[in-house]
Amino acid sequence: MGAEGKPFLTKKIVFDPAFKLDRICWVLEMFCPVCDQPLEVVFDDHPSAIEIMEAETIPCDECLAKSEKDEVMDAVIKELFDRHLPEHKT
């Protein structure tokens, strides 16, 4: 993950173009697991720990567009192993 640290969860006002209204949502500020660029994930309700962990594995749209799905998933899996099992680094 990026050098700035762990994901940060906050409440923010987000414009919803489908309803043309502002709404209060939970926003997870994190970094793309592939390119380390800042990334925001929006949740309607307060996310559970599992939802946050799942969100941390999803790359940004640019990384998905640039890479084949297999390459992106390999990078995500490597990031998860490095983060959760540091003694198994290759």
PDB file of N, CA and C in Angstrom:
ATOM      1  N   MET A   1       0.834  -1.161   0.000  1.00  0.00           N
ATOM      2  CA  MET A   1       0.000   0.000   0.000  1.00  0.00           C
ATOM      3  C   MET A   1       0.881   1.226   0.000  1.00  0.00           C
ATOM      4  N   GLY A   2       0.304   2.395  -0.271  1.00  0.00           N
ATOM      5  CA  GLY A   2       1.054   3.633  -0.374  1.00  0.00           C
ATOM      6  C   GLY A   2       1.797   3.989   0.889  1.00  0.00           C
ATOM      7  N   ALA A   3       2.728   4.886   0.736  1.00  0.00           N
ATOM      8  CA  ALA A   3       3.581   5.287   1.842  1.00  0.00           C
ATOM      9  C   ALA A   3       2.821   6.078   2.901  1.00  0.00           C
ATOM     10  N   GLU A   4       1.660   6.609   2.564  1.00  0.00           N
ATOM     11  CA  GLU A   4       0.915   7.438   3.489  1.00  0.00           C
ATOM     12  C   GLU A   4       0.260   6.655   4.614  1.00  0.00           C
ATOM     13  N   GLY A   5       0.138   5.344   4.502  1.00  0.00           N
ATOM     14  CA  GLY A   5      -0.379   4.556   5.607  1.00  0.00           C
ATOM     15  C   GLY A   5      -1.614   3.758   5.273  1.00  0.00           C
ATOM     16  N   LYS A   6      -2.371   3.478   6.329  1.00  0.00           N
ATOM     17  CA  LYS A   6      -3.537   2.618   6.222  1.00  0.00           C
ATOM     18  C   LYS A   6      -4.731   3.361   5.617  1.00  0.00           C
ATOM     19  N   PRO A   7      -5.739   2.606   5.155  1.00  0.00           N
ATOM     20  CA  PRO A   7      -6.952   3.233   4.638  1.00  0.00           C
ATOM     21  C   PRO A   7      -7.617   4.069   5.722  1.00  0.00           C
ATOM     22  N   PHE A   8      -8.324   5.092   5.298  1.00  0.00           N
ATOM     23  CA  PHE A   8      -8.949   6.022   6.225  1.00  0.00           C
ATOM     24  C   PHE A   8     -10.422   6.137   5.852  1.00  0.00           C
ATOM     25  N   LEU A   9     -11.323   5.862   6.794  1.00  0.00           N
ATOM     26  CA  LEU A   9     -12.757   5.876   6.560  1.00  0.00           C
ATOM     27  C   LEU A   9     -13.361   7.153   7.129  1.00  0.00           C
ATOM     28  N   THR A  10     -14.085   7.907   6.294  1.00  0.00           N
ATOM     29  CA  THR A  10     -14.731   9.148   6.735  1.00  0.00           C
ATOM     30  C   THR A  10     -16.132   9.246   6.144  1.00  0.00           C
ATOM     31  N   LYS A  11     -16.929  10.123   6.735  1.00  0.00           N
ATOM     32  CA  LYS A  11     -18.230  10.462   6.163  1.00  0.00           C
ATOM     33  C   LYS A  11     -18.036  11.683   5.282  1.00  0.00           C
ATOM     34  N   LYS A  12     -18.609  11.638   4.089  1.00  0.00           N
ATOM     35  CA  LYS A  12     -18.511  12.755   3.154  1.00  0.00           C
ATOM     36  C   LYS A  12     -19.840  12.941   2.443  1.00  0.00           C
ATOM     37  N   ILE A  13     -20.013  14.138   1.923  1.00  0.00           N
ATOM     38  CA  ILE A  13     -21.165  14.411   1.066  1.00  0.00           C
ATOM     39  C   ILE A  13     -20.731  14.129  -0.365  1.00  0.00           C
ATOM     40  N   VAL A  14     -21.464  13.236  -1.035  1.00  0.00           N
ATOM     41  CA  VAL A  14     -21.120  12.805  -2.387  1.00  0.00           C
ATOM     42  C   VAL A  14     -22.310  13.079  -3.294  1.00  0.00           C
ATOM     43  N   PHE A  15     -22.046  13.658  -4.468  1.00  0.00           N
ATOM     44  CA  PHE A  15     -23.119  13.909  -5.428  1.00  0.00           C
ATOM     45  C   PHE A  15     -23.463  12.614  -6.141  1.00  0.00           C
ATOM     46  N   ASP A  16     -24.759  12.284  -6.158  1.00  0.00           N
ATOM     47  CA  ASP A  16     -25.245  11.073  -6.823  1.00  0.00           C
ATOM     48  C   ASP A  16     -25.921  11.495  -8.121  1.00  0.00           C
ATOM     49  N   PRO A  17     -25.263  11.286  -9.274  1.00  0.00           N
ATOM     50  CA  PRO A  17     -25.848  11.734 -10.541  1.00  0.00           C
ATOM     51  C   PRO A  17     -27.135  10.997 -10.912  1.00  0.00           C
ATOM     52  N   ALA A  18     -27.327   9.794 -10.410  1.00  0.00           N
ATOM     53  CA  ALA A  18     -28.544   9.041 -10.727  1.00  0.00           C
ATOM     54  C   ALA A  18     -29.787   9.740 -10.175  1.00  0.00           C
ATOM     55  N   PHE A  19     -29.645  10.333  -8.979  1.00  0.00           N
ATOM     56  CA  PHE A  19     -30.778  11.018  -8.345  1.00  0.00           C
ATOM     57  C   PHE A  19     -30.633  12.535  -8.386  1.00  0.00           C
ATOM     58  N   LYS A  20     -29.498  13.013  -8.880  1.00  0.00           N
ATOM     59  CA  LYS A  20     -29.181  14.437  -8.939  1.00  0.00           C
ATOM     60  C   LYS A  20     -29.303  15.087  -7.569  1.00  0.00           C
ATOM     61  N   LEU A  21     -28.772  14.381  -6.566  1.00  0.00           N
ATOM     62  CA  LEU A  21     -28.799  14.850  -5.188  1.00  0.00           C
ATOM     63  C   LEU A  21     -27.459  14.604  -4.519  1.00  0.00           C
ATOM     64  N   ASP A  22     -27.156  15.428  -3.516  1.00  0.00           N
ATOM     65  CA  ASP A  22     -26.025  15.146  -2.645  1.00  0.00           C
ATOM     66  C   ASP A  22     -26.497  14.171  -1.585  1.00  0.00           C
ATOM     67  N   ARG A  23     -25.629  13.267  -1.180  1.00  0.00           N
ATOM     68  CA  ARG A  23     -25.986  12.337  -0.112  1.00  0.00           C
ATOM     69  C   ARG A  23     -24.767  12.100   0.777  1.00  0.00           C
ATOM     70  N   ILE A  24     -25.031  11.729   2.010  1.00  0.00           N
ATOM     71  CA  ILE A  24     -23.959  11.457   2.948  1.00  0.00           C
ATOM     72  C   ILE A  24     -23.593   9.982   2.838  1.00  0.00           C
ATOM     73  N   CYS A  25     -22.312   9.725   2.610  1.00  0.00           N
ATOM     74  CA  CYS A  25     -21.824   8.360   2.428  1.00  0.00           C
ATOM     75  C   CYS A  25     -20.558   8.163   3.248  1.00  0.00           C
ATOM     76  N   TRP A  26     -20.168   6.912   3.378  1.00  0.00           N
ATOM     77  CA  TRP A  26     -18.873   6.561   3.965  1.00  0.00           C
ATOM     78  C   TRP A  26     -17.890   6.423   2.825  1.00  0.00           C
ATOM     79  N   VAL A  27     -16.732   7.063   2.950  1.00  0.00           N
ATOM     80  CA  VAL A  27     -15.725   7.033   1.904  1.00  0.00           C
ATOM     81  C   VAL A  27     -14.434   6.453   2.481  1.00  0.00           C
ATOM     82  N   LEU A  28     -13.954   5.404   1.845  1.00  0.00           N
ATOM     83  CA  LEU A  28     -12.700   4.774   2.230  1.00  0.00           C
ATOM     84  C   LEU A  28     -11.600   5.361   1.352  1.00  0.00           C
ATOM     85  N   GLU A  29     -10.709   6.126   1.977  1.00  0.00           N
ATOM     86  CA  GLU A  29      -9.581   6.703   1.255  1.00  0.00           C
ATOM     87  C   GLU A  29      -8.417   5.731   1.386  1.00  0.00           C
ATOM     88  N   MET A  30      -7.952   5.233   0.246  1.00  0.00           N
ATOM     89  CA  MET A  30      -6.914   4.208   0.245  1.00  0.00           C
ATOM     90  C   MET A  30      -6.032   4.401  -0.970  1.00  0.00           C
ATOM     91  N   PHE A  31      -5.247   3.395  -1.298  1.00  0.00           N
ATOM     92  CA  PHE A  31      -4.372   3.433  -2.462  1.00  0.00           C
ATOM     93  C   PHE A  31      -4.610   2.197  -3.305  1.00  0.00           C
ATOM     94  N   CYS A  32      -4.513   2.371  -4.607  1.00  0.00           N
ATOM     95  CA  CYS A  32      -4.656   1.252  -5.531  1.00  0.00           C
ATOM     96  C   CYS A  32      -3.597   0.201  -5.194  1.00  0.00           C
ATOM     97  N   PRO A  33      -3.981  -1.074  -5.061  1.00  0.00           N
ATOM     98  CA  PRO A  33      -2.998  -2.113  -4.726  1.00  0.00           C
ATOM     99  C   PRO A  33      -1.996  -2.381  -5.844  1.00  0.00           C
ATOM    100  N   VAL A  34      -2.253  -1.886  -7.054  1.00  0.00           N
ATOM    101  CA  VAL A  34      -1.358  -2.127  -8.177  1.00  0.00           C
ATOM    102  C   VAL A  34      -0.402  -0.949  -8.401  1.00  0.00           C
ATOM    103  N   CYS A  35      -0.949   0.271  -8.477  1.00  0.00           N
ATOM    104  CA  CYS A  35      -0.119   1.424  -8.840  1.00  0.00           C
ATOM    105  C   CYS A  35       0.124   2.398  -7.682  1.00  0.00           C
ATOM    106  N   ASP A  36      -0.477   2.171  -6.537  1.00  0.00           N
ATOM    107  CA  ASP A  36      -0.316   3.013  -5.344  1.00  0.00           C
ATOM    108  C   ASP A  36      -0.843   4.435  -5.507  1.00  0.00           C
ATOM    109  N   GLN A  37      -1.719   4.669  -6.467  1.00  0.00           N
ATOM    110  CA  GLN A  37      -2.328   5.991  -6.609  1.00  0.00           C
ATOM    111  C   GLN A  37      -3.498   6.113  -5.634  1.00  0.00           C
ATOM    112  N   PRO A  38      -3.779   7.332  -5.148  1.00  0.00           N
ATOM    113  CA  PRO A  38      -4.914   7.519  -4.223  1.00  0.00           C
ATOM    114  C   PRO A  38      -6.226   7.059  -4.873  1.00  0.00           C
ATOM    115  N   LEU A  39      -7.076   6.491  -4.047  1.00  0.00           N
ATOM    116  CA  LEU A  39      -8.329   5.912  -4.529  1.00  0.00           C
ATOM    117  C   LEU A  39      -9.379   6.078  -3.450  1.00  0.00           C
ATOM    118  N   GLU A  40     -10.603   6.420  -3.847  1.00  0.00           N
ATOM    119  CA  GLU A  40     -11.706   6.524  -2.890  1.00  0.00           C
ATOM    120  C   GLU A  40     -12.783   5.513  -3.259  1.00  0.00           C
ATOM    121  N   VAL A  41     -13.251   4.775  -2.259  1.00  0.00           N
ATOM    122  CA  VAL A  41     -14.329   3.811  -2.439  1.00  0.00           C
ATOM    123  C   VAL A  41     -15.501   4.299  -1.601  1.00  0.00           C
ATOM    124  N   VAL A  42     -16.681   4.422  -2.234  1.00  0.00           N
ATOM    125  CA  VAL A  42     -17.860   4.973  -1.574  1.00  0.00           C
ATOM    126  C   VAL A  42     -18.793   3.852  -1.138  1.00  0.00           C
ATOM    127  N   PHE A  43     -19.256   3.929   0.117  1.00  0.00           N
ATOM    128  CA  PHE A  43     -20.205   2.968   0.677  1.00  0.00           C
ATOM    129  C   PHE A  43     -21.455   3.732   1.115  1.00  0.00           C
ATOM    130  N   ASP A  44     -22.634   3.154   0.900  1.00  0.00           N
ATOM    131  CA  ASP A  44     -23.869   3.775   1.373  1.00  0.00           C
ATOM    132  C   ASP A  44     -23.980   3.704   2.891  1.00  0.00           C
ATOM    133  N   ASP A  45     -23.622   2.552   3.455  1.00  0.00           N
ATOM    134  CA  ASP A  45     -23.686   2.334   4.899  1.00  0.00           C
ATOM    135  C   ASP A  45     -22.275   2.115   5.427  1.00  0.00           C
ATOM    136  N   HIS A  46     -22.128   2.192   6.743  1.00  0.00           N
ATOM    137  CA  HIS A  46     -20.819   1.952   7.351  1.00  0.00           C
ATOM    138  C   HIS A  46     -20.367   0.546   6.963  1.00  0.00           C
ATOM    139  N   PRO A  47     -19.201   0.432   6.303  1.00  0.00           N
ATOM    140  CA  PRO A  47     -18.747  -0.894   5.849  1.00  0.00           C
ATOM    141  C   PRO A  47     -18.215  -1.748   6.999  1.00  0.00           C
ATOM    142  N   SER A  48     -18.387  -3.039   6.850  1.00  0.00           N
ATOM    143  CA  SER A  48     -17.824  -3.978   7.821  1.00  0.00           C
ATOM    144  C   SER A  48     -16.332  -4.141   7.534  1.00  0.00           C
ATOM    145  N   ALA A  49     -15.635  -4.782   8.441  1.00  0.00           N
ATOM    146  CA  ALA A  49     -14.197  -5.022   8.252  1.00  0.00           C
ATOM    147  C   ALA A  49     -13.946  -5.858   7.002  1.00  0.00           C
ATOM    148  N   ILE A  50     -14.821  -6.803   6.722  1.00  0.00           N
ATOM    149  CA  ILE A  50     -14.664  -7.650   5.538  1.00  0.00           C
ATOM    150  C   ILE A  50     -14.865  -6.834   4.266  1.00  0.00           C
ATOM    151  N   GLU A  51     -15.848  -5.946   4.261  1.00  0.00           N
ATOM    152  CA  GLU A  51     -16.078  -5.098   3.092  1.00  0.00           C
ATOM    153  C   GLU A  51     -14.873  -4.182   2.835  1.00  0.00           C
ATOM    154  N   ILE A  52     -14.271  -3.681   3.894  1.00  0.00           N
ATOM    155  CA  ILE A  52     -13.091  -2.833   3.747  1.00  0.00           C
ATOM    156  C   ILE A  52     -11.931  -3.648   3.175  1.00  0.00           C
ATOM    157  N   MET A  53     -11.723  -4.862   3.690  1.00  0.00           N
ATOM    158  CA  MET A  53     -10.648  -5.722   3.175  1.00  0.00           C
ATOM    159  C   MET A  53     -10.864  -6.046   1.698  1.00  0.00           C
ATOM    160  N   GLU A  54     -12.116  -6.319   1.320  1.00  0.00           N
ATOM    161  CA  GLU A  54     -12.419  -6.602  -0.079  1.00  0.00           C
ATOM    162  C   GLU A  54     -12.150  -5.385  -0.949  1.00  0.00           C
ATOM    163  N   ALA A  55     -12.537  -4.203  -0.484  1.00  0.00           N
ATOM    164  CA  ALA A  55     -12.333  -2.974  -1.248  1.00  0.00           C
ATOM    165  C   ALA A  55     -10.851  -2.704  -1.465  1.00  0.00           C
ATOM    166  N   GLU A  56     -10.025  -3.063  -0.486  1.00  0.00           N
ATOM    167  CA  GLU A  56      -8.582  -2.838  -0.595  1.00  0.00           C
ATOM    168  C   GLU A  56      -7.933  -3.678  -1.681  1.00  0.00           C
ATOM    169  N   THR A  57      -8.597  -4.721  -2.137  1.00  0.00           N
ATOM    170  CA  THR A  57      -8.022  -5.603  -3.161  1.00  0.00           C
ATOM    171  C   THR A  57      -8.400  -5.192  -4.576  1.00  0.00           C
ATOM    172  N   ILE A  58      -9.310  -4.243  -4.729  1.00  0.00           N
ATOM    173  CA  ILE A  58      -9.796  -3.866  -6.048  1.00  0.00           C
ATOM    174  C   ILE A  58      -8.938  -2.732  -6.604  1.00  0.00           C
ATOM    175  N   PRO A  59      -8.322  -2.924  -7.777  1.00  0.00           N
ATOM    176  CA  PRO A  59      -7.491  -1.876  -8.373  1.00  0.00           C
ATOM    177  C   PRO A  59      -8.345  -0.727  -8.925  1.00  0.00           C
ATOM    178  N   CYS A  60      -7.686   0.380  -9.209  1.00  0.00           N
ATOM    179  CA  CYS A  60      -8.374   1.533  -9.788  1.00  0.00           C
ATOM    180  C   CYS A  60      -8.795   1.203 -11.227  1.00  0.00           C
ATOM    181  N   ASP A  61      -9.678   2.032 -11.780  1.00  0.00           N
ATOM    182  CA  ASP A  61     -10.169   1.809 -13.142  1.00  0.00           C
ATOM    183  C   ASP A  61      -9.054   1.839 -14.176  1.00  0.00           C
ATOM    184  N   GLU A  62      -8.070   2.720 -13.991  1.00  0.00           N
ATOM    185  CA  GLU A  62      -6.967   2.815 -14.946  1.00  0.00           C
ATOM    186  C   GLU A  62      -6.155   1.525 -14.993  1.00  0.00           C
ATOM    187  N   CYS A  63      -5.894   0.941 -13.819  1.00  0.00           N
ATOM    188  CA  CYS A  63      -5.127  -0.312 -13.790  1.00  0.00           C
ATOM    189  C   CYS A  63      -5.904  -1.448 -14.420  1.00  0.00           C
ATOM    190  N   LEU A  64      -7.200  -1.461 -14.211  1.00  0.00           N
ATOM    191  CA  LEU A  64      -8.012  -2.500 -14.839  1.00  0.00           C
ATOM    192  C   LEU A  64      -8.027  -2.347 -16.355  1.00  0.00           C
ATOM    193  N   ALA A  65      -8.074  -1.098 -16.825  1.00  0.00           N
ATOM    194  CA  ALA A  65      -8.112  -0.856 -18.262  1.00  0.00           C
ATOM    195  C   ALA A  65      -6.778  -1.180 -18.922  1.00  0.00           C
ATOM    196  N   LYS A  66      -5.664  -0.918 -18.237  1.00  0.00           N
ATOM    197  CA  LYS A  66      -4.333  -1.126 -18.815  1.00  0.00           C
ATOM    198  C   LYS A  66      -3.912  -2.589 -18.844  1.00  0.00           C
ATOM    199  N   SER A  67      -4.342  -3.343 -17.857  1.00  0.00           N
ATOM    200  CA  SER A  67      -3.822  -4.701 -17.682  1.00  0.00           C
ATOM    201  C   SER A  67      -4.850  -5.758 -18.012  1.00  0.00           C
ATOM    202  N   GLU A  68      -4.338  -6.915 -18.316  1.00  0.00           N
ATOM    203  CA  GLU A  68      -5.206  -8.070 -18.434  1.00  0.00           C
ATOM    204  C   GLU A  68      -5.659  -8.447 -17.035  1.00  0.00           C
ATOM    205  N   LYS A  69      -6.828  -9.042 -16.907  1.00  0.00           N
ATOM    206  CA  LYS A  69      -7.347  -9.387 -15.587  1.00  0.00           C
ATOM    207  C   LYS A  69      -6.408 -10.320 -14.824  1.00  0.00           C
ATOM    208  N   ASP A  70      -5.783 -11.258 -15.489  1.00  0.00           N
ATOM    209  CA  ASP A  70      -4.877 -12.188 -14.810  1.00  0.00           C
ATOM    210  C   ASP A  70      -3.689 -11.459 -14.197  1.00  0.00           C
ATOM    211  N   GLU A  71      -3.118 -10.491 -14.916  1.00  0.00           N
ATOM    212  CA  GLU A  71      -1.980  -9.736 -14.397  1.00  0.00           C
ATOM    213  C   GLU A  71      -2.376  -8.896 -13.188  1.00  0.00           C
ATOM    214  N   VAL A  72      -3.549  -8.286 -13.260  1.00  0.00           N
ATOM    215  CA  VAL A  72      -4.032  -7.477 -12.147  1.00  0.00           C
ATOM    216  C   VAL A  72      -4.270  -8.347 -10.925  1.00  0.00           C
ATOM    217  N   MET A  73      -4.884  -9.497 -11.130  1.00  0.00           N
ATOM    218  CA  MET A  73      -5.161 -10.380  -9.997  1.00  0.00           C
ATOM    219  C   MET A  73      -3.866 -10.914  -9.390  1.00  0.00           C
ATOM    220  N   ASP A  74      -2.851 -11.190 -10.215  1.00  0.00           N
ATOM    221  CA  ASP A  74      -1.553 -11.612  -9.682  1.00  0.00           C
ATOM    222  C   ASP A  74      -0.963 -10.529  -8.783  1.00  0.00           C
ATOM    223  N   ALA A  75      -1.065  -9.280  -9.198  1.00  0.00           N
ATOM    224  CA  ALA A  75      -0.537  -8.174  -8.387  1.00  0.00           C
ATOM    225  C   ALA A  75      -1.322  -8.035  -7.085  1.00  0.00           C
ATOM    226  N   VAL A  76      -2.650  -8.205  -7.154  1.00  0.00           N
ATOM    227  CA  VAL A  76      -3.483  -8.117  -5.956  1.00  0.00           C
ATOM    228  C   VAL A  76      -3.137  -9.243  -4.988  1.00  0.00           C
ATOM    229  N   ILE A  77      -3.001 -10.457  -5.506  1.00  0.00           N
ATOM    230  CA  ILE A  77      -2.668 -11.601  -4.662  1.00  0.00           C
ATOM    231  C   ILE A  77      -1.298 -11.410  -4.024  1.00  0.00           C
ATOM    232  N   LYS A  78      -0.328 -10.923  -4.799  1.00  0.00           N
ATOM    233  CA  LYS A  78       1.004 -10.660  -4.250  1.00  0.00           C
ATOM    234  C   LYS A  78       0.933  -9.614  -3.144  1.00  0.00           C
ATOM    235  N   GLU A  79       0.161  -8.547  -3.352  1.00  0.00           N
ATOM    236  CA  GLU A  79       0.013  -7.508  -2.339  1.00  0.00           C
ATOM    237  C   GLU A  79      -0.600  -8.080  -1.061  1.00  0.00           C
ATOM    238  N   LEU A  80      -1.601  -8.934  -1.202  1.00  0.00           N
ATOM    239  CA  LEU A  80      -2.232  -9.532  -0.024  1.00  0.00           C
ATOM    240  C   LEU A  80      -1.253 -10.431   0.727  1.00  0.00           C
ATOM    241  N   PHE A  81      -0.480 -11.253  -0.006  1.00  0.00           N
ATOM    242  CA  PHE A  81       0.505 -12.106   0.645  1.00  0.00           C
ATOM    243  C   PHE A  81       1.576 -11.276   1.340  1.00  0.00           C
ATOM    244  N   ASP A  82       2.057 -10.231   0.651  1.00  0.00           N
ATOM    245  CA  ASP A  82       3.090  -9.379   1.250  1.00  0.00           C
ATOM    246  C   ASP A  82       2.579  -8.689   2.492  1.00  0.00           C
ATOM    247  N   ARG A  83       1.327  -8.283   2.481  1.00  0.00           N
ATOM    248  CA  ARG A  83       0.758  -7.554   3.607  1.00  0.00           C
ATOM    249  C   ARG A  83       0.457  -8.468   4.785  1.00  0.00           C
ATOM    250  N   HIS A  84      -0.103  -9.639   4.504  1.00  0.00           N
ATOM    251  CA  HIS A  84      -0.581 -10.517   5.583  1.00  0.00           C
ATOM    252  C   HIS A  84       0.378 -11.650   5.947  1.00  0.00           C
ATOM    253  N   LEU A  85       1.288 -11.975   5.043  1.00  0.00           N
ATOM    254  CA  LEU A  85       2.243 -13.050   5.293  1.00  0.00           C
ATOM    255  C   LEU A  85       3.650 -12.578   4.898  1.00  0.00           C
ATOM    256  N   PRO A  86       4.190 -11.572   5.588  1.00  0.00           N
ATOM    257  CA  PRO A  86       5.478 -11.006   5.162  1.00  0.00           C
ATOM    258  C   PRO A  86       6.629 -12.005   5.185  1.00  0.00           C
ATOM    259  N   GLU A  87       6.544 -13.057   5.997  1.00  0.00           N
ATOM    260  CA  GLU A  87       7.632 -14.030   6.051  1.00  0.00           C
ATOM    261  C   GLU A  87       7.701 -14.898   4.807  1.00  0.00           C
ATOM    262  N   HIS A  88       6.670 -14.844   3.941  1.00  0.00           N
ATOM    263  CA  HIS A  88       6.639 -15.660   2.724  1.00  0.00           C
ATOM    264  C   HIS A  88       7.001 -14.870   1.482  1.00  0.00           C
ATOM    265  N   LYS A  89       7.613 -13.693   1.618  1.00  0.00           N
ATOM    266  CA  LYS A  89       7.982 -12.898   0.459  1.00  0.00           C
ATOM    267  C   LYS A  89       8.978 -13.646  -0.405  1.00  0.00           C
ATOM    268  N   THR A  90       8.854 -13.456  -1.720  1.00  0.00           N
ATOM    269  CA  THR A  90       9.764 -14.126  -2.653  1.00  0.00           C
ATOM    270  C   THR A  90      10.795 -13.166  -3.176  1.00  0.00           C
TER     271      THR A  90
END
